[in-house]
Amino acid sequence: ASGIPSSYKRDYSIVSTFGQLNYDYDDRYLLGLTFRYDGTSKLRDNKFGFFPGASIGWNAHNEEFFKEG
């Protein structure tokens, strides 16, 4: 092979933030909220994105009709 061997390296960055909030009412009803905010220098336009999430739950075993008499 002729010529001088070389390589090409390009720097880029990634930034992420993550958050979570959990709430329970009377140890029976549950609510969870999450979010993620990501960004990268590889994308030309709209470099950042917001990704929310939510969940609900029910601890049925804590209800009166599950308790022994």
PDB file of N, CA and C in Angstrom:
ATOM      1  N   ALA A   1       0.842  -1.176   0.000  1.00  0.00           N
ATOM      2  CA  ALA A   1       0.000   0.000   0.000  1.00  0.00           C
ATOM      3  C   ALA A   1       0.882   1.233   0.000  1.00  0.00           C
ATOM      4  N   SER A   2       0.471   2.168  -0.742  1.00  0.00           N
ATOM      5  CA  SER A   2       1.252   3.405  -0.802  1.00  0.00           C
ATOM      6  C   SER A   2       0.577   4.489   0.034  1.00  0.00           C
ATOM      7  N   GLY A   3       1.324   5.483   0.407  1.00  0.00           N
ATOM      8  CA  GLY A   3       0.783   6.597   1.172  1.00  0.00           C
ATOM      9  C   GLY A   3       1.027   6.436   2.657  1.00  0.00           C
ATOM     10  N   ILE A   4       0.554   7.384   3.398  1.00  0.00           N
ATOM     11  CA  ILE A   4       0.723   7.409   4.841  1.00  0.00           C
ATOM     12  C   ILE A   4      -0.598   6.980   5.491  1.00  0.00           C
ATOM     13  N   PRO A   5      -0.561   5.973   6.352  1.00  0.00           N
ATOM     14  CA  PRO A   5      -1.802   5.559   7.028  1.00  0.00           C
ATOM     15  C   PRO A   5      -2.326   6.687   7.927  1.00  0.00           C
ATOM     16  N   SER A   6      -3.621   6.854   7.936  1.00  0.00           N
ATOM     17  CA  SER A   6      -4.217   7.880   8.782  1.00  0.00           C
ATOM     18  C   SER A   6      -5.623   7.436   9.188  1.00  0.00           C
ATOM     19  N   SER A   7      -6.148   8.119  10.152  1.00  0.00           N
ATOM     20  CA  SER A   7      -7.512   7.853  10.584  1.00  0.00           C
ATOM     21  C   SER A   7      -8.228   9.189  10.771  1.00  0.00           C
ATOM     22  N   TYR A   8      -9.520   9.110  10.819  1.00  0.00           N
ATOM     23  CA  TYR A   8     -10.326  10.314  10.988  1.00  0.00           C
ATOM     24  C   TYR A   8     -11.161  10.149  12.244  1.00  0.00           C
ATOM     25  N   LYS A   9     -10.996  11.060  13.156  1.00  0.00           N
ATOM     26  CA  LYS A   9     -11.745  11.021  14.406  1.00  0.00           C
ATOM     27  C   LYS A   9     -12.512  12.322  14.554  1.00  0.00           C
ATOM     28  N   ARG A  10     -13.795  12.174  14.885  1.00  0.00           N
ATOM     29  CA  ARG A  10     -14.628  13.358  15.100  1.00  0.00           C
ATOM     30  C   ARG A  10     -15.225  13.267  16.498  1.00  0.00           C
ATOM     31  N   ASP A  11     -15.092  14.334  17.251  1.00  0.00           N
ATOM     32  CA  ASP A  11     -15.647  14.372  18.601  1.00  0.00           C
ATOM     33  C   ASP A  11     -17.122  14.747  18.549  1.00  0.00           C
ATOM     34  N   TYR A  12     -17.890  14.135  19.407  1.00  0.00           N
ATOM     35  CA  TYR A  12     -19.283  14.509  19.579  1.00  0.00           C
ATOM     36  C   TYR A  12     -19.647  14.323  21.042  1.00  0.00           C
ATOM     37  N   SER A  13     -20.758  14.911  21.419  1.00  0.00           N
ATOM     38  CA  SER A  13     -21.159  14.826  22.821  1.00  0.00           C
ATOM     39  C   SER A  13     -22.613  14.373  22.928  1.00  0.00           C
ATOM     40  N   ILE A  14     -22.911  13.745  24.062  1.00  0.00           N
ATOM     41  CA  ILE A  14     -24.256  13.304  24.400  1.00  0.00           C
ATOM     42  C   ILE A  14     -24.558  13.821  25.805  1.00  0.00           C
ATOM     43  N   VAL A  15     -25.752  14.393  25.975  1.00  0.00           N
ATOM     44  CA  VAL A  15     -26.180  14.910  27.266  1.00  0.00           C
ATOM     45  C   VAL A  15     -27.534  14.301  27.589  1.00  0.00           C
ATOM     46  N   SER A  16     -27.689  13.799  28.807  1.00  0.00           N
ATOM     47  CA  SER A  16     -28.962  13.210  29.221  1.00  0.00           C
ATOM     48  C   SER A  16     -29.297  13.628  30.649  1.00  0.00           C
ATOM     49  N   THR A  17     -30.586  13.805  30.903  1.00  0.00           N
ATOM     50  CA  THR A  17     -31.094  14.072  32.235  1.00  0.00           C
ATOM     51  C   THR A  17     -32.270  13.153  32.470  1.00  0.00           C
ATOM     52  N   PHE A  18     -32.326  12.576  33.653  1.00  0.00           N
ATOM     53  CA  PHE A  18     -33.386  11.632  33.982  1.00  0.00           C
ATOM     54  C   PHE A  18     -33.975  12.015  35.329  1.00  0.00           C
ATOM     55  N   GLY A  19     -35.279  11.931  35.438  1.00  0.00           N
ATOM     56  CA  GLY A  19     -35.936  12.229  36.707  1.00  0.00           C
ATOM     57  C   GLY A  19     -37.101  11.283  36.948  1.00  0.00           C
ATOM     58  N   GLN A  20     -37.419  11.079  38.212  1.00  0.00           N
ATOM     59  CA  GLN A  20     -38.502  10.182  38.577  1.00  0.00           C
ATOM     60  C   GLN A  20     -39.188  10.706  39.827  1.00  0.00           C
ATOM     61  N   LEU A  21     -40.515  10.603  39.840  1.00  0.00           N
ATOM     62  CA  LEU A  21     -41.312  11.009  40.980  1.00  0.00           C
ATOM     63  C   LEU A  21     -42.327   9.909  41.261  1.00  0.00           C
ATOM     64  N   ASN A  22     -42.341   9.399  42.493  1.00  0.00           N
ATOM     65  CA  ASN A  22     -43.275   8.352  42.899  1.00  0.00           C
ATOM     66  C   ASN A  22     -44.138   8.869  44.034  1.00  0.00           C
ATOM     67  N   TYR A  23     -45.424   8.557  43.973  1.00  0.00           N
ATOM     68  CA  TYR A  23     -46.370   8.998  44.984  1.00  0.00           C
ATOM     69  C   TYR A  23     -47.313   7.848  45.309  1.00  0.00           C
ATOM     70  N   ASP A  24     -47.616   7.675  46.591  1.00  0.00           N
ATOM     71  CA  ASP A  24     -48.635   6.694  46.961  1.00  0.00           C
ATOM     72  C   ASP A  24     -49.612   7.346  47.923  1.00  0.00           C
ATOM     73  N   TYR A  25     -50.867   6.975  47.781  1.00  0.00           N
ATOM     74  CA  TYR A  25     -51.921   7.482  48.645  1.00  0.00           C
ATOM     75  C   TYR A  25     -52.448   6.321  49.481  1.00  0.00           C
ATOM     76  N   ASP A  26     -52.320   6.434  50.777  1.00  0.00           N
ATOM     77  CA  ASP A  26     -52.832   5.443  51.723  1.00  0.00           C
ATOM     78  C   ASP A  26     -52.237   4.051  51.478  1.00  0.00           C
ATOM     79  N   ASP A  27     -51.040   3.988  50.934  1.00  0.00           N
ATOM     80  CA  ASP A  27     -50.353   2.723  50.628  1.00  0.00           C
ATOM     81  C   ASP A  27     -51.212   1.799  49.758  1.00  0.00           C
ATOM     82  N   ARG A  28     -52.114   2.398  48.974  1.00  0.00           N
ATOM     83  CA  ARG A  28     -52.974   1.602  48.090  1.00  0.00           C
ATOM     84  C   ARG A  28     -52.873   2.052  46.636  1.00  0.00           C
ATOM     85  N   TYR A  29     -52.934   3.329  46.394  1.00  0.00           N
ATOM     86  CA  TYR A  29     -52.944   3.853  45.032  1.00  0.00           C
ATOM     87  C   TYR A  29     -51.589   4.469  44.723  1.00  0.00           C
ATOM     88  N   LEU A  30     -51.030   4.112  43.592  1.00  0.00           N
ATOM     89  CA  LEU A  30     -49.665   4.506  43.241  1.00  0.00           C
ATOM     90  C   LEU A  30     -49.647   5.313  41.947  1.00  0.00           C
ATOM     91  N   LEU A  31     -48.764   6.282  41.905  1.00  0.00           N
ATOM     92  CA  LEU A  31     -48.562   7.081  40.705  1.00  0.00           C
ATOM     93  C   LEU A  31     -47.057   7.244  40.499  1.00  0.00           C
ATOM     94  N   GLY A  32     -46.598   7.004  39.299  1.00  0.00           N
ATOM     95  CA  GLY A  32     -45.184   7.187  38.962  1.00  0.00           C
ATOM     96  C   GLY A  32     -45.036   8.061  37.733  1.00  0.00           C
ATOM     97  N   LEU A  33     -44.181   9.044  37.816  1.00  0.00           N
ATOM     98  CA  LEU A  33     -43.891   9.934  36.693  1.00  0.00           C
ATOM     99  C   LEU A  33     -42.393   9.897  36.427  1.00  0.00           C
ATOM    100  N   THR A  34     -42.023   9.758  35.188  1.00  0.00           N
ATOM    101  CA  THR A  34     -40.611   9.769  34.805  1.00  0.00           C
ATOM    102  C   THR A  34     -40.421  10.705  33.617  1.00  0.00           C
ATOM    103  N   PHE A  35     -39.219  11.216  33.483  1.00  0.00           N
ATOM    104  CA  PHE A  35     -38.880  11.986  32.301  1.00  0.00           C
ATOM    105  C   PHE A  35     -37.411  11.784  31.957  1.00  0.00           C
ATOM    106  N   ARG A  36     -37.143  11.931  30.681  1.00  0.00           N
ATOM    107  CA  ARG A  36     -35.772  11.873  30.181  1.00  0.00           C
ATOM    108  C   ARG A  36     -35.628  12.967  29.130  1.00  0.00           C
ATOM    109  N   TYR A  37     -34.545  13.689  29.186  1.00  0.00           N
ATOM    110  CA  TYR A  37     -34.249  14.756  28.235  1.00  0.00           C
ATOM    111  C   TYR A  37     -32.868  14.474  27.669  1.00  0.00           C
ATOM    112  N   ASP A  38     -32.815  14.155  26.393  1.00  0.00           N
ATOM    113  CA  ASP A  38     -31.559  13.751  25.746  1.00  0.00           C
ATOM    114  C   ASP A  38     -31.180  14.724  24.646  1.00  0.00           C
ATOM    115  N   GLY A  39     -29.887  14.869  24.459  1.00  0.00           N
ATOM    116  CA  GLY A  39     -29.371  15.689  23.375  1.00  0.00           C
ATOM    117  C   GLY A  39     -28.065  15.128  22.850  1.00  0.00           C
ATOM    118  N   THR A  40     -27.818  15.361  21.570  1.00  0.00           N
ATOM    119  CA  THR A  40     -26.572  14.912  20.957  1.00  0.00           C
ATOM    120  C   THR A  40     -26.112  15.932  19.923  1.00  0.00           C
ATOM    121  N   SER A  41     -24.828  16.029  19.736  1.00  0.00           N
ATOM    122  CA  SER A  41     -24.280  16.942  18.744  1.00  0.00           C
ATOM    123  C   SER A  41     -24.229  16.304  17.359  1.00  0.00           C
ATOM    124  N   LYS A  42     -24.596  15.036  17.236  1.00  0.00           N
ATOM    125  CA  LYS A  42     -24.578  14.371  15.924  1.00  0.00           C
ATOM    126  C   LYS A  42     -25.743  14.791  15.030  1.00  0.00           C
ATOM    127  N   LEU A  43     -26.837  15.253  15.630  1.00  0.00           N
ATOM    128  CA  LEU A  43     -28.005  15.633  14.848  1.00  0.00           C
ATOM    129  C   LEU A  43     -27.924  17.090  14.423  1.00  0.00           C
ATOM    130  N   ARG A  44     -28.361  17.363  13.227  1.00  0.00           N
ATOM    131  CA  ARG A  44     -28.270  18.721  12.693  1.00  0.00           C
ATOM    132  C   ARG A  44     -29.340  19.625  13.295  1.00  0.00           C
ATOM    133  N   ASP A  45     -30.598  19.210  13.239  1.00  0.00           N
ATOM    134  CA  ASP A  45     -31.707  20.009  13.768  1.00  0.00           C
ATOM    135  C   ASP A  45     -32.372  19.255  14.912  1.00  0.00           C
ATOM    136  N   ASN A  46     -33.021  20.010  15.805  1.00  0.00           N
ATOM    137  CA  ASN A  46     -33.717  19.409  16.942  1.00  0.00           C
ATOM    138  C   ASN A  46     -32.803  18.449  17.698  1.00  0.00           C
ATOM    139  N   LYS A  47     -31.760  18.961  18.215  1.00  0.00           N
ATOM    140  CA  LYS A  47     -30.741  18.146  18.882  1.00  0.00           C
ATOM    141  C   LYS A  47     -31.211  17.549  20.199  1.00  0.00           C
ATOM    142  N   PHE A  48     -32.311  18.054  20.748  1.00  0.00           N
ATOM    143  CA  PHE A  48     -32.775  17.584  22.046  1.00  0.00           C
ATOM    144  C   PHE A  48     -34.175  17.011  21.936  1.00  0.00           C
ATOM    145  N   GLY A  49     -34.467  16.046  22.790  1.00  0.00           N
ATOM    146  CA  GLY A  49     -35.794  15.450  22.836  1.00  0.00           C
ATOM    147  C   GLY A  49     -36.222  15.196  24.270  1.00  0.00           C
ATOM    148  N   PHE A  50     -37.518  15.325  24.505  1.00  0.00           N
ATOM    149  CA  PHE A  50     -38.097  15.108  25.823  1.00  0.00           C
ATOM    150  C   PHE A  50     -38.958  13.858  25.760  1.00  0.00           C
ATOM    151  N   PHE A  51     -38.753  12.916  26.696  1.00  0.00           N
ATOM    152  CA  PHE A  51     -39.435  11.634  26.690  1.00  0.00           C
ATOM    153  C   PHE A  51     -40.093  11.405  28.054  1.00  0.00           C
ATOM    154  N   PRO A  52     -41.388  11.730  28.180  1.00  0.00           N
ATOM    155  CA  PRO A  52     -42.080  11.550  29.456  1.00  0.00           C
ATOM    156  C   PRO A  52     -42.685  10.152  29.570  1.00  0.00           C
ATOM    157  N   GLY A  53     -43.001   9.763  30.789  1.00  0.00           N
ATOM    158  CA  GLY A  53     -43.675   8.495  31.038  1.00  0.00           C
ATOM    159  C   GLY A  53     -44.484   8.582  32.319  1.00  0.00           C
ATOM    160  N   ALA A  54     -45.556   7.793  32.378  1.00  0.00           N
ATOM    161  CA  ALA A  54     -46.410   7.781  33.565  1.00  0.00           C
ATOM    162  C   ALA A  54     -46.890   6.359  33.811  1.00  0.00           C
ATOM    163  N   SER A  55     -47.117   6.028  35.075  1.00  0.00           N
ATOM    164  CA  SER A  55     -47.655   4.719  35.426  1.00  0.00           C
ATOM    165  C   SER A  55     -48.562   4.868  36.643  1.00  0.00           C
ATOM    166  N   ILE A  56     -49.540   3.982  36.716  1.00  0.00           N
ATOM    167  CA  ILE A  56     -50.422   3.943  37.873  1.00  0.00           C
ATOM    168  C   ILE A  56     -50.458   2.517  38.395  1.00  0.00           C
ATOM    169  N   GLY A  57     -50.729   2.377  39.673  1.00  0.00           N
ATOM    170  CA  GLY A  57     -50.792   1.052  40.276  1.00  0.00           C
ATOM    171  C   GLY A  57     -51.786   1.013  41.417  1.00  0.00           C
ATOM    172  N   TRP A  58     -52.132  -0.199  41.786  1.00  0.00           N
ATOM    173  CA  TRP A  58     -53.103  -0.402  42.851  1.00  0.00           C
ATOM    174  C   TRP A  58     -52.624  -1.577  43.684  1.00  0.00           C
ATOM    175  N   ASN A  59     -52.385  -1.353  44.954  1.00  0.00           N
ATOM    176  CA  ASN A  59     -52.044  -2.419  45.886  1.00  0.00           C
ATOM    177  C   ASN A  59     -53.347  -3.000  46.430  1.00  0.00           C
ATOM    178  N   ALA A  60     -53.931  -3.910  45.683  1.00  0.00           N
ATOM    179  CA  ALA A  60     -55.226  -4.478  46.053  1.00  0.00           C
ATOM    180  C   ALA A  60     -55.155  -5.237  47.379  1.00  0.00           C
ATOM    181  N   HIS A  61     -54.001  -5.775  47.708  1.00  0.00           N
ATOM    182  CA  HIS A  61     -53.880  -6.532  48.956  1.00  0.00           C
ATOM    183  C   HIS A  61     -54.017  -5.638  50.201  1.00  0.00           C
ATOM    184  N   ASN A  62     -53.969  -4.336  50.046  1.00  0.00           N
ATOM    185  CA  ASN A  62     -54.166  -3.415  51.173  1.00  0.00           C
ATOM    186  C   ASN A  62     -55.611  -2.952  51.316  1.00  0.00           C
ATOM    187  N   GLU A  63     -56.499  -3.448  50.496  1.00  0.00           N
ATOM    188  CA  GLU A  63     -57.918  -3.093  50.587  1.00  0.00           C
ATOM    189  C   GLU A  63     -58.599  -3.881  51.705  1.00  0.00           C
ATOM    190  N   GLU A  64     -59.700  -3.352  52.199  1.00  0.00           N
ATOM    191  CA  GLU A  64     -60.438  -3.982  53.298  1.00  0.00           C
ATOM    192  C   GLU A  64     -60.950  -5.369  52.928  1.00  0.00           C
ATOM    193  N   PHE A  65     -61.375  -5.575  51.688  1.00  0.00           N
ATOM    194  CA  PHE A  65     -61.938  -6.865  51.327  1.00  0.00           C
ATOM    195  C   PHE A  65     -60.902  -7.981  51.249  1.00  0.00           C
ATOM    196  N   PHE A  66     -59.599  -7.658  51.331  1.00  0.00           N
ATOM    197  CA  PHE A  66     -58.558  -8.678  51.379  1.00  0.00           C
ATOM    198  C   PHE A  66     -58.144  -9.029  52.802  1.00  0.00           C
ATOM    199  N   LYS A  67     -58.513  -8.225  53.761  1.00  0.00           N
ATOM    200  CA  LYS A  67     -58.076  -8.454  55.136  1.00  0.00           C
ATOM    201  C   LYS A  67     -58.897  -9.554  55.788  1.00  0.00           C
ATOM    202  N   GLU A  68     -58.204 -10.342  56.603  1.00  0.00           N
ATOM    203  CA  GLU A  68     -58.877 -11.440  57.305  1.00  0.00           C
ATOM    204  C   GLU A  68     -59.736 -10.886  58.432  1.00  0.00           C
ATOM    205  N   GLY A  69     -60.889 -11.529  58.634  1.00  0.00           N
ATOM    206  CA  GLY A  69     -61.892 -11.113  59.494  1.00  0.00           C
ATOM    207  C   GLY A  69     -61.757 -10.984  60.920  1.00  0.00           C
TER     208      GLY A  69
END
